[in-house]
Amino acid sequence: MDVKTKITEILEAESAAIRNIPVTDDYERAVELIVRQVKQKGGKLVTSGMGKCGQIADNIATTFSSTGIPAIYLHPSEAQHGDLGVLQPNDVMLLLSNSGRTSEILALIELTRDLYPQISFIVITGNRDSELARMATVCLWTGGSPEVCPLGLTPTTSTTMMTVMGDVLVVNTMIASGFTREEYALRHHGGYLGEKSRGR
């Protein structure tokens, strides 16, 4: 098989995976939860994940922060060594695990509940029957499409879907909270986006 044919197959497979992400009422519930806890109660969004999921969770946090929702990434392992102290009572958590069995994420939920039992958990996972899914306040299922990796192992399709699902949450939260171009400009002082947001 030539390279161009394989590239086309990968693009088609990942595009199909995105189109097949289940669109459910849980997205609305997740957005309402974020808006209530952050905009109304003064909390923040805390994202977490291990490995590639952690990188996606970090990116989602920075995107939320730039669009009016204070957010941070909490490394699940470091949380066990004191970083859990960043949590506050009105926070809401967004946890990513494709398998739904990531031990560090499951431990993070238990540690959080010991500290603040009232904190809610939004989960993005490829396994809707997992322990993590059952522990979630709101569970967003990727649809479980297979990885395009030839070994079926490397996080590829799954991280693409999680990235898109993060974008869906961000955009809908911006709409629900009435986030404006002027507010965007206040958070972007430099670079191209800063100039564009101020109409330059």
N, C-alpha and C. Protein backbone atom coordinates (compact mmCIF):
# COMPACT_ATOMS: atom_id res chain seq x y z
N MET A 1 0.85 -1.20 0.00
CA MET A 1 0.00 0.00 0.00
C MET A 1 0.89 1.25 0.00
N ASP A 2 0.57 2.21 -0.87
CA ASP A 2 1.38 3.42 -0.93
C ASP A 2 0.99 4.37 0.20
N VAL A 3 1.88 5.31 0.48
CA VAL A 3 1.72 6.22 1.60
C VAL A 3 0.46 7.07 1.47
N LYS A 4 0.20 7.59 0.30
CA LYS A 4 -0.96 8.46 0.11
C LYS A 4 -2.27 7.71 0.38
N THR A 5 -2.33 6.47 -0.04
CA THR A 5 -3.53 5.68 0.21
C THR A 5 -3.72 5.48 1.71
N LYS A 6 -2.63 5.19 2.41
CA LYS A 6 -2.72 4.98 3.85
C LYS A 6 -3.13 6.27 4.57
N ILE A 7 -2.58 7.39 4.13
CA ILE A 7 -2.96 8.68 4.72
C ILE A 7 -4.46 8.91 4.56
N THR A 8 -4.98 8.64 3.37
CA THR A 8 -6.41 8.81 3.11
C THR A 8 -7.23 7.91 4.02
N GLU A 9 -6.78 6.69 4.21
CA GLU A 9 -7.50 5.75 5.09
C GLU A 9 -7.53 6.25 6.53
N ILE A 10 -6.40 6.77 6.99
CA ILE A 10 -6.31 7.28 8.37
C ILE A 10 -7.25 8.48 8.54
N LEU A 11 -7.21 9.39 7.58
CA LEU A 11 -8.07 10.58 7.66
C LEU A 11 -9.54 10.18 7.64
N GLU A 12 -9.89 9.23 6.80
CA GLU A 12 -11.29 8.79 6.72
C GLU A 12 -11.71 8.09 8.01
N ALA A 13 -10.81 7.28 8.58
CA ALA A 13 -11.14 6.55 9.81
C ALA A 13 -11.34 7.50 10.98
N GLU A 14 -10.45 8.49 11.11
CA GLU A 14 -10.59 9.43 12.23
C GLU A 14 -11.78 10.35 12.02
N SER A 15 -12.05 10.73 10.79
CA SER A 15 -13.23 11.56 10.51
C SER A 15 -14.51 10.80 10.85
N ALA A 16 -14.55 9.52 10.49
CA ALA A 16 -15.72 8.70 10.80
C ALA A 16 -15.90 8.55 12.30
N ALA A 17 -14.78 8.40 13.02
CA ALA A 17 -14.85 8.27 14.48
C ALA A 17 -15.44 9.52 15.11
N ILE A 18 -15.05 10.68 14.61
CA ILE A 18 -15.59 11.94 15.13
C ILE A 18 -17.09 12.04 14.84
N ARG A 19 -17.47 11.68 13.62
CA ARG A 19 -18.89 11.74 13.26
C ARG A 19 -19.73 10.78 14.10
N ASN A 20 -19.12 9.71 14.59
CA ASN A 20 -19.85 8.70 15.35
C ASN A 20 -19.82 8.93 16.86
N ILE A 21 -19.24 10.04 17.31
CA ILE A 21 -19.30 10.35 18.74
C ILE A 21 -20.77 10.53 19.12
N PRO A 22 -21.25 9.80 20.12
CA PRO A 22 -22.66 9.92 20.50
C PRO A 22 -23.01 11.32 21.00
N VAL A 23 -24.04 11.90 20.44
CA VAL A 23 -24.51 13.22 20.87
C VAL A 23 -25.68 12.99 21.83
N THR A 24 -25.45 13.27 23.11
CA THR A 24 -26.44 12.98 24.14
C THR A 24 -26.75 14.22 24.98
N ASP A 25 -27.77 14.10 25.81
CA ASP A 25 -28.12 15.19 26.72
C ASP A 25 -27.06 15.41 27.80
N ASP A 26 -26.14 14.46 27.93
CA ASP A 26 -25.10 14.60 28.94
C ASP A 26 -24.18 15.79 28.67
N TYR A 27 -24.05 16.20 27.41
CA TYR A 27 -23.25 17.39 27.12
C TYR A 27 -23.87 18.62 27.76
N GLU A 28 -25.20 18.73 27.63
CA GLU A 28 -25.89 19.87 28.24
C GLU A 28 -25.73 19.84 29.76
N ARG A 29 -25.82 18.64 30.33
CA ARG A 29 -25.64 18.51 31.78
C ARG A 29 -24.23 18.92 32.20
N ALA A 30 -23.24 18.54 31.40
CA ALA A 30 -21.85 18.89 31.71
C ALA A 30 -21.64 20.40 31.65
N VAL A 31 -22.18 21.02 30.61
CA VAL A 31 -22.04 22.47 30.47
C VAL A 31 -22.74 23.18 31.62
N GLU A 32 -23.93 22.75 31.95
CA GLU A 32 -24.66 23.37 33.07
C GLU A 32 -23.88 23.25 34.37
N LEU A 33 -23.24 22.11 34.56
CA LEU A 33 -22.45 21.87 35.77
C LEU A 33 -21.25 22.81 35.82
N ILE A 34 -20.57 22.97 34.70
CA ILE A 34 -19.41 23.85 34.65
C ILE A 34 -19.81 25.31 34.90
N VAL A 35 -20.86 25.75 34.23
CA VAL A 35 -21.32 27.13 34.38
C VAL A 35 -21.75 27.40 35.83
N ARG A 36 -22.49 26.47 36.40
CA ARG A 36 -22.97 26.66 37.77
C ARG A 36 -21.82 26.73 38.78
N GLN A 37 -20.91 25.79 38.67
CA GLN A 37 -19.84 25.72 39.67
C GLN A 37 -18.82 26.84 39.50
N VAL A 38 -18.52 27.19 38.27
CA VAL A 38 -17.46 28.19 38.02
C VAL A 38 -18.02 29.61 37.96
N LYS A 39 -19.00 29.84 37.11
CA LYS A 39 -19.51 31.19 36.91
C LYS A 39 -20.40 31.66 38.06
N GLN A 40 -21.18 30.76 38.61
CA GLN A 40 -22.14 31.15 39.65
C GLN A 40 -21.60 30.96 41.06
N LYS A 41 -20.81 29.92 41.28
CA LYS A 41 -20.33 29.63 42.63
C LYS A 41 -18.86 29.98 42.86
N GLY A 42 -18.19 30.45 41.82
CA GLY A 42 -16.81 30.91 41.97
C GLY A 42 -15.76 29.83 42.08
N GLY A 43 -16.10 28.62 41.64
CA GLY A 43 -15.11 27.55 41.63
C GLY A 43 -14.28 27.58 40.36
N LYS A 44 -13.63 26.47 40.07
CA LYS A 44 -12.83 26.35 38.85
C LYS A 44 -12.99 24.95 38.28
N LEU A 45 -12.58 24.79 37.05
CA LEU A 45 -12.58 23.48 36.42
C LEU A 45 -11.20 22.86 36.60
N VAL A 46 -11.16 21.64 37.08
CA VAL A 46 -9.90 20.92 37.27
C VAL A 46 -9.91 19.70 36.36
N THR A 47 -8.99 19.65 35.41
CA THR A 47 -8.93 18.52 34.48
C THR A 47 -7.80 17.59 34.88
N SER A 48 -7.93 16.32 34.47
CA SER A 48 -6.87 15.36 34.79
C SER A 48 -6.92 14.17 33.85
N GLY A 49 -5.78 13.54 33.68
CA GLY A 49 -5.65 12.34 32.86
C GLY A 49 -4.20 11.89 32.90
N MET A 50 -3.95 10.65 32.60
CA MET A 50 -2.58 10.12 32.56
C MET A 50 -2.11 9.96 31.12
N GLY A 51 -0.81 10.11 30.91
CA GLY A 51 -0.24 9.90 29.58
C GLY A 51 -0.81 10.84 28.54
N LYS A 52 -1.17 10.29 27.38
CA LYS A 52 -1.73 11.10 26.30
C LYS A 52 -3.02 11.79 26.74
N CYS A 53 -3.84 11.08 27.53
CA CYS A 53 -5.07 11.70 28.03
C CYS A 53 -4.76 12.91 28.90
N GLY A 54 -3.66 12.86 29.62
CA GLY A 54 -3.24 13.99 30.43
C GLY A 54 -2.88 15.19 29.58
N GLN A 55 -2.23 14.94 28.45
CA GLN A 55 -1.88 16.04 27.55
C GLN A 55 -3.13 16.69 26.97
N ILE A 56 -4.11 15.87 26.63
CA ILE A 56 -5.37 16.42 26.13
C ILE A 56 -6.08 17.20 27.23
N ALA A 57 -6.08 16.65 28.44
CA ALA A 57 -6.74 17.33 29.58
C ALA A 57 -6.08 18.68 29.85
N ASP A 58 -4.77 18.74 29.73
CA ASP A 58 -4.04 20.00 29.93
C ASP A 58 -4.45 21.01 28.87
N ASN A 59 -4.54 20.56 27.63
CA ASN A 59 -4.95 21.46 26.54
C ASN A 59 -6.37 21.97 26.75
N ILE A 60 -7.27 21.10 27.18
CA ILE A 60 -8.66 21.51 27.44
C ILE A 60 -8.70 22.57 28.53
N ALA A 61 -7.87 22.40 29.57
CA ALA A 61 -7.84 23.37 30.66
C ALA A 61 -7.39 24.74 30.17
N THR A 62 -6.35 24.78 29.35
CA THR A 62 -5.85 26.07 28.87
C THR A 62 -6.87 26.74 27.95
N THR A 63 -7.60 25.95 27.16
CA THR A 63 -8.62 26.53 26.28
C THR A 63 -9.77 27.09 27.09
N PHE A 64 -10.20 26.37 28.12
CA PHE A 64 -11.25 26.89 29.00
C PHE A 64 -10.80 28.19 29.67
N SER A 65 -9.56 28.21 30.16
CA SER A 65 -9.07 29.41 30.85
C SER A 65 -9.07 30.63 29.94
N SER A 66 -8.79 30.42 28.67
CA SER A 66 -8.75 31.54 27.74
C SER A 66 -10.12 32.01 27.31
N THR A 67 -11.15 31.25 27.66
CA THR A 67 -12.51 31.59 27.25
C THR A 67 -13.45 31.79 28.43
N GLY A 68 -12.89 32.26 29.54
CA GLY A 68 -13.73 32.72 30.64
C GLY A 68 -14.02 31.73 31.74
N ILE A 69 -13.46 30.52 31.66
CA ILE A 69 -13.66 29.51 32.70
C ILE A 69 -12.30 29.19 33.33
N PRO A 70 -12.00 29.73 34.51
CA PRO A 70 -10.73 29.41 35.16
C PRO A 70 -10.57 27.89 35.29
N ALA A 71 -9.46 27.38 34.78
CA ALA A 71 -9.24 25.94 34.77
C ALA A 71 -7.77 25.62 34.94
N ILE A 72 -7.48 24.48 35.56
CA ILE A 72 -6.10 24.02 35.71
C ILE A 72 -6.04 22.53 35.43
N TYR A 73 -4.85 22.06 35.09
CA TYR A 73 -4.61 20.64 34.93
C TYR A 73 -3.95 20.12 36.19
N LEU A 74 -4.48 19.04 36.74
CA LEU A 74 -3.93 18.41 37.94
C LEU A 74 -3.41 17.02 37.56
N HIS A 75 -2.10 16.82 37.71
CA HIS A 75 -1.53 15.51 37.39
C HIS A 75 -2.00 14.51 38.45
N PRO A 76 -2.61 13.40 38.03
CA PRO A 76 -3.19 12.48 39.01
C PRO A 76 -2.18 11.85 39.97
N SER A 77 -0.95 11.65 39.50
CA SER A 77 0.07 11.09 40.40
C SER A 77 0.55 12.14 41.39
N GLU A 78 0.78 13.35 40.91
CA GLU A 78 1.22 14.42 41.80
C GLU A 78 0.14 14.76 42.83
N ALA A 79 -1.11 14.51 42.46
CA ALA A 79 -2.21 14.77 43.40
C ALA A 79 -2.05 13.93 44.66
N GLN A 80 -1.42 12.76 44.52
CA GLN A 80 -1.22 11.88 45.66
C GLN A 80 -0.07 12.34 46.55
N HIS A 81 0.64 13.36 46.09
CA HIS A 81 1.81 13.85 46.84
C HIS A 81 1.67 15.33 47.19
N GLY A 82 0.43 15.76 47.41
CA GLY A 82 0.20 17.11 47.90
C GLY A 82 -0.51 18.06 46.97
N ASP A 83 -0.45 17.79 45.65
CA ASP A 83 -1.07 18.73 44.70
C ASP A 83 -2.59 18.72 44.78
N LEU A 84 -3.16 17.73 45.46
CA LEU A 84 -4.60 17.71 45.65
C LEU A 84 -5.08 18.95 46.40
N GLY A 85 -4.16 19.59 47.09
CA GLY A 85 -4.49 20.79 47.85
C GLY A 85 -4.95 21.95 47.00
N VAL A 86 -4.81 21.85 45.69
CA VAL A 86 -5.28 22.92 44.81
C VAL A 86 -6.80 22.94 44.73
N LEU A 87 -7.44 21.84 45.10
CA LEU A 87 -8.90 21.76 45.03
C LEU A 87 -9.58 22.64 46.06
N GLN A 88 -10.73 23.18 45.66
CA GLN A 88 -11.58 23.97 46.54
C GLN A 88 -13.01 23.44 46.45
N PRO A 89 -13.83 23.72 47.47
CA PRO A 89 -15.14 23.08 47.58
C PRO A 89 -16.06 23.23 46.37
N ASN A 90 -16.00 24.37 45.66
CA ASN A 90 -16.93 24.61 44.56
C ASN A 90 -16.38 24.22 43.19
N ASP A 91 -15.24 23.55 43.17
CA ASP A 91 -14.66 23.13 41.90
C ASP A 91 -15.48 22.01 41.26
N VAL A 92 -15.23 21.78 39.97
CA VAL A 92 -15.80 20.64 39.25
C VAL A 92 -14.64 20.01 38.48
N MET A 93 -14.64 18.68 38.36
CA MET A 93 -13.52 17.99 37.73
C MET A 93 -13.92 17.38 36.39
N LEU A 94 -12.98 17.41 35.45
CA LEU A 94 -13.14 16.79 34.14
C LEU A 94 -12.02 15.77 33.98
N LEU A 95 -12.37 14.49 33.95
CA LEU A 95 -11.39 13.41 33.96
C LEU A 95 -11.43 12.64 32.64
N LEU A 96 -10.24 12.35 32.08
CA LEU A 96 -10.14 11.65 30.81
C LEU A 96 -9.43 10.31 30.99
N SER A 97 -10.04 9.25 30.49
CA SER A 97 -9.43 7.92 30.49
C SER A 97 -10.12 7.09 29.43
N ASN A 98 -9.39 6.69 28.41
CA ASN A 98 -10.01 5.92 27.33
C ASN A 98 -10.48 4.56 27.83
N SER A 99 -9.67 3.91 28.64
CA SER A 99 -10.03 2.58 29.15
C SER A 99 -11.07 2.63 30.25
N GLY A 100 -11.12 3.77 30.96
CA GLY A 100 -12.00 3.87 32.11
C GLY A 100 -11.50 3.08 33.30
N ARG A 101 -10.24 2.59 33.20
CA ARG A 101 -9.67 1.78 34.26
C ARG A 101 -8.34 2.33 34.77
N THR A 102 -8.00 3.55 34.39
CA THR A 102 -6.72 4.14 34.79
C THR A 102 -6.66 4.25 36.31
N SER A 103 -5.74 3.52 36.92
CA SER A 103 -5.71 3.42 38.38
C SER A 103 -5.50 4.77 39.05
N GLU A 104 -4.65 5.62 38.45
CA GLU A 104 -4.38 6.92 39.06
C GLU A 104 -5.61 7.82 39.05
N ILE A 105 -6.44 7.69 38.02
CA ILE A 105 -7.67 8.50 37.94
C ILE A 105 -8.71 7.99 38.93
N LEU A 106 -8.83 6.67 39.04
CA LEU A 106 -9.76 6.10 40.01
C LEU A 106 -9.35 6.50 41.43
N ALA A 107 -8.04 6.49 41.69
CA ALA A 107 -7.55 6.91 43.01
C ALA A 107 -7.82 8.38 43.24
N LEU A 108 -7.70 9.19 42.18
CA LEU A 108 -7.94 10.62 42.30
C LEU A 108 -9.38 10.90 42.74
N ILE A 109 -10.32 10.15 42.20
CA ILE A 109 -11.72 10.32 42.60
C ILE A 109 -11.89 10.02 44.08
N GLU A 110 -11.30 8.93 44.54
CA GLU A 110 -11.43 8.55 45.95
C GLU A 110 -10.79 9.61 46.86
N LEU A 111 -9.62 10.09 46.48
CA LEU A 111 -8.94 11.12 47.28
C LEU A 111 -9.76 12.41 47.32
N THR A 112 -10.32 12.76 46.18
CA THR A 112 -11.14 13.98 46.11
C THR A 112 -12.38 13.86 46.98
N ARG A 113 -13.02 12.71 46.93
CA ARG A 113 -14.23 12.51 47.72
C ARG A 113 -13.93 12.53 49.22
N ASP A 114 -12.73 12.09 49.59
CA ASP A 114 -12.34 12.16 51.00
C ASP A 114 -12.17 13.61 51.44
N LEU A 115 -11.68 14.45 50.51
CA LEU A 115 -11.43 15.85 50.83
C LEU A 115 -12.70 16.69 50.71
N TYR A 116 -13.37 16.58 49.58
CA TYR A 116 -14.60 17.34 49.32
C TYR A 116 -15.64 16.42 48.69
N PRO A 117 -16.46 15.76 49.49
CA PRO A 117 -17.43 14.78 48.99
C PRO A 117 -18.41 15.34 47.97
N GLN A 118 -18.62 16.66 47.97
CA GLN A 118 -19.64 17.25 47.10
C GLN A 118 -19.15 17.52 45.69
N ILE A 119 -17.86 17.40 45.42
CA ILE A 119 -17.34 17.73 44.09
C ILE A 119 -17.88 16.75 43.04
N SER A 120 -18.29 17.30 41.89
CA SER A 120 -18.84 16.51 40.80
C SER A 120 -17.76 16.17 39.78
N PHE A 121 -17.97 15.06 39.06
CA PHE A 121 -17.00 14.58 38.09
C PHE A 121 -17.64 14.41 36.72
N ILE A 122 -17.06 15.10 35.73
CA ILE A 122 -17.41 14.87 34.33
C ILE A 122 -16.33 13.95 33.78
N VAL A 123 -16.72 12.87 33.14
CA VAL A 123 -15.76 11.90 32.63
C VAL A 123 -15.90 11.76 31.13
N ILE A 124 -14.76 11.75 30.42
CA ILE A 124 -14.72 11.41 29.00
C ILE A 124 -13.99 10.08 28.89
N THR A 125 -14.64 9.07 28.34
CA THR A 125 -14.05 7.74 28.28
C THR A 125 -14.51 6.97 27.05
N GLY A 126 -13.70 6.01 26.66
CA GLY A 126 -14.08 5.12 25.57
C GLY A 126 -14.76 3.86 26.05
N ASN A 127 -14.94 3.74 27.36
CA ASN A 127 -15.54 2.54 27.95
C ASN A 127 -16.69 2.95 28.86
N ARG A 128 -17.88 2.96 28.34
CA ARG A 128 -19.04 3.43 29.10
C ARG A 128 -19.48 2.43 30.17
N ASP A 129 -18.92 1.21 30.15
CA ASP A 129 -19.26 0.21 31.15
C ASP A 129 -18.18 0.09 32.22
N SER A 130 -17.25 1.01 32.24
CA SER A 130 -16.11 0.95 33.15
C SER A 130 -16.47 1.45 34.54
N GLU A 131 -15.57 1.15 35.47
CA GLU A 131 -15.73 1.64 36.84
C GLU A 131 -15.75 3.16 36.87
N LEU A 132 -14.88 3.77 36.06
CA LEU A 132 -14.82 5.23 36.02
C LEU A 132 -16.15 5.82 35.55
N ALA A 133 -16.73 5.22 34.52
CA ALA A 133 -18.02 5.70 34.01
C ALA A 133 -19.10 5.61 35.09
N ARG A 134 -19.05 4.55 35.87
CA ARG A 134 -20.05 4.38 36.93
C ARG A 134 -19.86 5.39 38.06
N MET A 135 -18.64 5.85 38.26
CA MET A 135 -18.35 6.79 39.33
C MET A 135 -18.64 8.23 38.93
N ALA A 136 -18.86 8.47 37.64
CA ALA A 136 -19.02 9.82 37.11
C ALA A 136 -20.37 10.43 37.48
N THR A 137 -20.36 11.76 37.65
CA THR A 137 -21.61 12.51 37.76
C THR A 137 -22.24 12.62 36.38
N VAL A 138 -21.38 12.90 35.39
CA VAL A 138 -21.79 12.96 33.99
C VAL A 138 -20.75 12.21 33.18
N CYS A 139 -21.18 11.27 32.37
CA CYS A 139 -20.25 10.48 31.54
C CYS A 139 -20.47 10.79 30.07
N LEU A 140 -19.39 11.17 29.39
CA LEU A 140 -19.42 11.44 27.96
C LEU A 140 -18.62 10.33 27.26
N TRP A 141 -19.32 9.51 26.47
CA TRP A 141 -18.70 8.36 25.81
C TRP A 141 -18.19 8.74 24.44
N THR A 142 -16.96 8.33 24.13
CA THR A 142 -16.38 8.66 22.82
C THR A 142 -17.02 7.87 21.69
N GLY A 143 -17.63 6.75 22.02
CA GLY A 143 -18.16 5.86 21.00
C GLY A 143 -17.29 4.64 20.82
N GLY A 144 -16.06 4.73 21.33
CA GLY A 144 -15.17 3.56 21.35
C GLY A 144 -14.61 3.13 20.02
N SER A 145 -14.45 4.03 19.07
CA SER A 145 -13.87 3.65 17.78
C SER A 145 -12.43 3.16 17.96
N PRO A 146 -12.01 2.18 17.15
CA PRO A 146 -10.65 1.63 17.30
C PRO A 146 -9.57 2.64 16.91
N GLU A 147 -8.40 2.45 17.49
CA GLU A 147 -7.25 3.30 17.15
C GLU A 147 -6.80 3.02 15.72
N VAL A 148 -6.31 4.05 15.04
CA VAL A 148 -5.78 3.84 13.69
C VAL A 148 -4.36 3.28 13.73
N CYS A 149 -3.74 3.28 14.89
CA CYS A 149 -2.42 2.67 15.06
C CYS A 149 -2.45 1.24 14.52
N PRO A 150 -1.45 0.82 13.70
CA PRO A 150 -1.48 -0.53 13.13
C PRO A 150 -1.44 -1.64 14.19
N LEU A 151 -0.98 -1.30 15.39
CA LEU A 151 -0.97 -2.27 16.48
C LEU A 151 -2.27 -2.25 17.27
N GLY A 152 -3.09 -1.21 17.03
CA GLY A 152 -4.32 -1.06 17.78
C GLY A 152 -4.08 -0.66 19.22
N LEU A 153 -2.93 -0.06 19.49
CA LEU A 153 -2.53 0.25 20.86
C LEU A 153 -2.29 1.73 21.11
N THR A 154 -1.54 2.38 20.22
CA THR A 154 -1.15 3.77 20.45
C THR A 154 -2.36 4.70 20.45
N PRO A 155 -2.51 5.54 21.48
CA PRO A 155 -3.62 6.50 21.49
C PRO A 155 -3.54 7.43 20.28
N THR A 156 -4.45 7.27 19.37
CA THR A 156 -4.50 8.07 18.14
C THR A 156 -5.93 8.55 17.92
N THR A 157 -6.78 7.65 17.48
CA THR A 157 -8.19 8.00 17.28
C THR A 157 -8.84 8.45 18.58
N SER A 158 -8.52 7.78 19.67
CA SER A 158 -9.14 8.11 20.96
C SER A 158 -8.79 9.52 21.41
N THR A 159 -7.54 9.93 21.20
CA THR A 159 -7.16 11.28 21.62
C THR A 159 -7.75 12.34 20.69
N THR A 160 -7.92 11.98 19.43
CA THR A 160 -8.59 12.89 18.49
C THR A 160 -10.02 13.15 18.95
N MET A 161 -10.73 12.07 19.30
CA MET A 161 -12.12 12.22 19.75
C MET A 161 -12.20 13.02 21.04
N MET A 162 -11.31 12.76 21.97
CA MET A 162 -11.33 13.49 23.23
C MET A 162 -11.05 14.97 23.03
N THR A 163 -10.15 15.28 22.11
CA THR A 163 -9.85 16.68 21.80
C THR A 163 -11.10 17.38 21.25
N VAL A 164 -11.78 16.72 20.32
CA VAL A 164 -13.00 17.29 19.73
C VAL A 164 -14.08 17.45 20.80
N MET A 165 -14.23 16.45 21.67
CA MET A 165 -15.24 16.53 22.72
C MET A 165 -14.93 17.67 23.69
N GLY A 166 -13.64 17.92 23.94
CA GLY A 166 -13.25 19.07 24.74
C GLY A 166 -13.66 20.37 24.07
N ASP A 167 -13.45 20.43 22.75
CA ASP A 167 -13.86 21.62 22.00
C ASP A 167 -15.37 21.84 22.08
N VAL A 168 -16.13 20.75 22.01
CA VAL A 168 -17.59 20.84 22.12
C VAL A 168 -17.99 21.44 23.47
N LEU A 169 -17.34 20.99 24.53
CA LEU A 169 -17.64 21.52 25.86
C LEU A 169 -17.27 22.99 25.97
N VAL A 170 -16.09 23.35 25.46
CA VAL A 170 -15.64 24.74 25.53
C VAL A 170 -16.60 25.67 24.78
N VAL A 171 -16.90 25.33 23.54
CA VAL A 171 -17.74 26.20 22.71
C VAL A 171 -19.13 26.35 23.30
N ASN A 172 -19.71 25.25 23.75
CA ASN A 172 -21.05 25.34 24.32
C ASN A 172 -21.06 26.07 25.66
N THR A 173 -19.97 25.97 26.42
CA THR A 173 -19.87 26.72 27.66
C THR A 173 -19.73 28.22 27.38
N MET A 174 -18.98 28.57 26.33
CA MET A 174 -18.88 29.98 25.93
C MET A 174 -20.26 30.54 25.61
N ILE A 175 -21.05 29.77 24.87
CA ILE A 175 -22.39 30.21 24.49
C ILE A 175 -23.29 30.32 25.71
N ALA A 176 -23.25 29.30 26.57
CA ALA A 176 -24.12 29.28 27.75
C ALA A 176 -23.79 30.39 28.73
N SER A 177 -22.52 30.78 28.80
CA SER A 177 -22.10 31.81 29.75
C SER A 177 -22.11 33.21 29.14
N GLY A 178 -22.40 33.31 27.84
CA GLY A 178 -22.45 34.61 27.18
C GLY A 178 -21.09 35.26 27.03
N PHE A 179 -20.05 34.47 26.86
CA PHE A 179 -18.68 34.99 26.74
C PHE A 179 -18.53 35.84 25.49
N THR A 180 -17.98 37.05 25.64
CA THR A 180 -17.93 38.01 24.54
C THR A 180 -16.53 38.20 23.97
N ARG A 181 -16.49 38.83 22.81
CA ARG A 181 -15.22 39.16 22.17
C ARG A 181 -14.39 40.10 23.05
N GLU A 182 -15.08 41.03 23.73
CA GLU A 182 -14.38 41.97 24.62
C GLU A 182 -13.74 41.24 25.80
N GLU A 183 -14.44 40.26 26.33
CA GLU A 183 -13.87 39.46 27.42
C GLU A 183 -12.69 38.63 26.92
N TYR A 184 -12.80 38.14 25.70
CA TYR A 184 -11.70 37.40 25.10
C TYR A 184 -10.46 38.27 24.98
N ALA A 185 -10.65 39.50 24.53
CA ALA A 185 -9.53 40.42 24.35
C ALA A 185 -8.81 40.71 25.66
N LEU A 186 -9.57 40.77 26.75
CA LEU A 186 -8.96 41.03 28.06
C LEU A 186 -8.02 39.90 28.49
N ARG A 187 -8.19 38.72 27.92
CA ARG A 187 -7.37 37.57 28.27
C ARG A 187 -6.27 37.30 27.25
N HIS A 188 -6.24 38.07 26.18
CA HIS A 188 -5.25 37.88 25.12
C HIS A 188 -4.62 39.22 24.77
N HIS A 189 -3.54 39.54 25.44
CA HIS A 189 -2.90 40.84 25.23
C HIS A 189 -1.85 40.83 24.13
N GLY A 190 -1.30 39.67 23.85
CA GLY A 190 -0.23 39.60 22.85
C GLY A 190 -0.57 38.68 21.70
N GLY A 191 0.28 38.74 20.67
CA GLY A 191 0.14 37.82 19.55
C GLY A 191 -0.98 38.17 18.59
N TYR A 192 -1.11 37.32 17.60
CA TYR A 192 -2.10 37.53 16.54
C TYR A 192 -3.52 37.54 17.07
N LEU A 193 -3.84 36.57 17.97
CA LEU A 193 -5.20 36.49 18.49
C LEU A 193 -5.55 37.72 19.33
N GLY A 194 -4.56 38.23 20.05
CA GLY A 194 -4.80 39.44 20.84
C GLY A 194 -5.17 40.61 19.95
N GLU A 195 -4.41 40.77 18.86
CA GLU A 195 -4.70 41.87 17.93
C GLU A 195 -6.04 41.65 17.23
N LYS A 196 -6.32 40.43 16.82
CA LYS A 196 -7.56 40.14 16.11
C LYS A 196 -8.77 40.38 17.01
N SER A 197 -8.66 40.01 18.29
CA SER A 197 -9.80 40.16 19.20
C SER A 197 -10.11 41.62 19.47
N ARG A 198 -9.09 42.48 19.27
CA ARG A 198 -9.32 43.92 19.46
C ARG A 198 -9.57 44.64 18.14
N GLY A 199 -9.78 43.88 17.09
CA GLY A 199 -10.17 44.43 15.79
C GLY A 199 -9.06 45.11 15.04
N ARG A 200 -7.83 44.71 15.31
CA ARG A 200 -6.70 45.34 14.60
C ARG A 200 -6.28 44.53 13.39
